[in-house]
C-alpha atoms as a PDB file:
ATOM      1  CA  UNK A   1      95.553  66.679-104.278  1.00  0.00           C
ATOM      2  CA  UNK A   2      94.983  70.172-105.597  1.00  0.00           C
ATOM      3  CA  UNK A   3      96.414  71.674-108.772  1.00  0.00           C
ATOM      4  CA  UNK A   4      99.368  73.336-107.003  1.00  0.00           C
ATOM      5  CA  UNK A   5     100.231  70.086-105.222  1.00  0.00           C
ATOM      6  CA  UNK A   6     100.043  68.292-108.556  1.00  0.00           C
ATOM      7  CA  UNK A   7     102.394  70.831-110.146  1.00  0.00           C
ATOM      8  CA  UNK A   8     104.883  70.460-107.260  1.00  0.00           C
ATOM      9  CA  UNK A   9     104.804  66.673-107.610  1.00  0.00           C
ATOM     10  CA  UNK A  10     105.359  66.866-111.402  1.00  0.00           C
ATOM     11  CA  UNK A  11     108.252  69.305-110.882  1.00  0.00           C
ATOM     12  CA  UNK A  12     109.909  67.034-108.344  1.00  0.00           C
ATOM     13  CA  UNK A  13     109.404  63.822-110.339  1.00  0.00           C
ATOM     14  CA  UNK A  14     110.550  65.314-113.689  1.00  0.00           C
ATOM     15  CA  UNK A  15     113.331  67.428-112.154  1.00  0.00           C
ATOM     16  CA  UNK A  16     111.783  70.648-113.510  1.00  0.00           C
ATOM     17  CA  UNK A  17     111.179  74.034-111.974  1.00  0.00           C
ATOM     18  CA  UNK A  18     107.675  74.619-110.663  1.00  0.00           C
ATOM     19  CA  UNK A  19     107.200  77.310-113.310  1.00  0.00           C
ATOM     20  CA  UNK A  20     108.067  74.874-116.112  1.00  0.00           C
ATOM     21  CA  UNK A  21     105.845  72.166-114.629  1.00  0.00           C
ATOM     22  CA  UNK A  22     103.017  74.703-114.327  1.00  0.00           C
ATOM     23  CA  UNK A  23     103.330  75.553-118.026  1.00  0.00           C
ATOM     24  CA  UNK A  24     103.326  71.851-118.933  1.00  0.00           C
ATOM     25  CA  UNK A  25     100.172  71.173-116.895  1.00  0.00           C
ATOM     26  CA  UNK A  26      98.419  74.259-118.304  1.00  0.00           C
ATOM     27  CA  UNK A  27      99.378  73.235-121.846  1.00  0.00           C
ATOM     28  CA  UNK A  28      98.067  69.708-121.300  1.00  0.00           C
ATOM     29  CA  UNK A  29      94.750  71.040-120.026  1.00  0.00           C
ATOM     30  CA  UNK A  30      94.510  73.433-122.999  1.00  0.00           C
ATOM     31  CA  UNK A  31      95.227  70.672-125.537  1.00  0.00           C
ATOM     32  CA  UNK A  32      92.652  68.306-124.021  1.00  0.00           C
ATOM     33  CA  UNK A  33      90.049  71.107-123.798  1.00  0.00           C
ATOM     34  CA  UNK A  34      90.617  72.231-127.399  1.00  0.00           C
ATOM     35  CA  UNK A  35      90.320  68.668-128.703  1.00  0.00           C
ATOM     36  CA  UNK A  36      87.117  68.005-126.754  1.00  0.00           C
ATOM     37  CA  UNK A  37      85.612  71.273-128.029  1.00  0.00           C
ATOM     38  CA  UNK A  38      86.042  69.844-131.549  1.00  0.00           C
ATOM     39  CA  UNK A  39      84.238  66.631-130.452  1.00  0.00           C
ATOM     40  CA  UNK A  40      87.587  64.877-130.598  1.00  0.00           C
ATOM     41  CA  UNK A  41      89.130  62.341-128.291  1.00  0.00           C
ATOM     42  CA  UNK A  42      92.436  62.218-126.422  1.00  0.00           C
ATOM     43  CA  UNK A  43      93.848  58.746-125.706  1.00  0.00           C
ATOM     44  CA  UNK A  44      96.841  58.410-123.413  1.00  0.00           C
ATOM     45  CA  UNK A  45      97.967  54.792-123.597  1.00  0.00           C
ATOM     46  CA  UNK A  46      98.170  53.207-120.173  1.00  0.00           C
ATOM     47  CA  UNK A  47      96.361  56.103-118.522  1.00  0.00           C
ATOM     48  CA  UNK A  48      92.966  56.591-120.130  1.00  0.00           C
ATOM     49  CA  UNK A  49      90.842  58.459-122.623  1.00  0.00           C
ATOM     50  CA  UNK A  50      89.086  61.809-122.571  1.00  0.00           C
ATOM     51  CA  UNK A  51      85.918  61.821-124.678  1.00  0.00           C
ATOM     52  CA  UNK A  52      82.749  63.833-125.195  1.00  0.00           C
ATOM     53  CA  UNK A  53      79.436  62.284-124.178  1.00  0.00           C
ATOM     54  CA  UNK A  54      76.332  63.463-126.041  1.00  0.00           C
ATOM     55  CA  UNK A  55      73.173  63.522-123.947  1.00  0.00           C
ATOM     56  CA  UNK A  56      69.903  63.767-125.786  1.00  0.00           C
ATOM     57  CA  UNK A  57      67.066  66.070-124.739  1.00  0.00           C
ATOM     58  CA  UNK A  58      64.694  64.590-122.191  1.00  0.00           C
ATOM     59  CA  UNK A  59      61.696  65.449-120.085  1.00  0.00           C
ATOM     60  CA  UNK A  60      62.031  66.194-116.392  1.00  0.00           C
ATOM     61  CA  UNK A  61      60.096  67.545-113.453  1.00  0.00           C
ATOM     62  CA  UNK A  62      60.889  70.654-111.413  1.00  0.00           C
ATOM     63  CA  UNK A  63      61.045  69.263-107.868  1.00  0.00           C
ATOM     64  CA  UNK A  64      59.883  72.546-106.334  1.00  0.00           C
ATOM     65  CA  UNK A  65      56.795  73.164-108.429  1.00  0.00           C
ATOM     66  CA  UNK A  66      56.116  69.770-109.947  1.00  0.00           C
ATOM     67  CA  UNK A  67      55.974  71.414-113.390  1.00  0.00           C
ATOM     68  CA  UNK A  68      57.150  69.363-116.352  1.00  0.00           C
ATOM     69  CA  UNK A  69      60.202  70.792-118.120  1.00  0.00           C
ATOM     70  CA  UNK A  70      62.298  69.857-121.109  1.00  0.00           C
ATOM     71  CA  UNK A  71      65.983  69.367-120.363  1.00  0.00           C
ATOM     72  CA  UNK A  72      67.936  70.371-123.485  1.00  0.00           C
ATOM     73  CA  UNK A  73      70.509  68.172-125.220  1.00  0.00           C
ATOM     74  CA  UNK A  74      74.060  68.752-124.029  1.00  0.00           C
ATOM     75  CA  UNK A  75      77.612  67.552-124.292  1.00  0.00           C
ATOM     76  CA  UNK A  76      79.734  66.645-121.275  1.00  0.00           C
ATOM     77  CA  UNK A  77      83.354  65.533-120.873  1.00  0.00           C
ATOM     78  CA  UNK A  78      84.036  61.953-119.826  1.00  0.00           C
ATOM     79  CA  UNK A  79      87.231  60.244-118.667  1.00  0.00           C
ATOM     80  CA  UNK A  80      87.600  56.490-118.962  1.00  0.00           C
ATOM     81  CA  UNK A  81      90.516  54.972-117.095  1.00  0.00           C
ATOM     82  CA  UNK A  82      92.856  52.704-119.049  1.00  0.00           C
ATOM     83  CA  UNK A  83      93.680  49.117-118.155  1.00  0.00           C
ATOM     84  CA  UNK A  84      97.123  49.937-116.722  1.00  0.00           C
ATOM     85  CA  UNK A  85      95.717  52.639-114.429  1.00  0.00           C
ATOM     86  CA  UNK A  86      92.895  50.377-113.261  1.00  0.00           C
ATOM     87  CA  UNK A  87      95.322  47.568-112.452  1.00  0.00           C
ATOM     88  CA  UNK A  88      97.690  49.923-110.612  1.00  0.00           C
ATOM     89  CA  UNK A  89      94.860  51.088-108.350  1.00  0.00           C
ATOM     90  CA  UNK A  90      93.569  47.594-107.598  1.00  0.00           C
END
């Protein structure tokens, strides 16, 4: 399912116009992104949690040249499914 399909499904299920559903989806994405930028966490009970994972710096090898490189520390977004979502999928 692509973003536009998701918006159409939200509009149909919530009895909203596609424009209103599009604004809701965009707002949700903005709120989650802003909170994760602040190293925060967004928990949606029954659905899951959006968190930030901190990866420490590590050594690696360039597969092309075989040269050793240092991979810098970074942050990456993580989603952990909630119990209700896991059970619904099983």
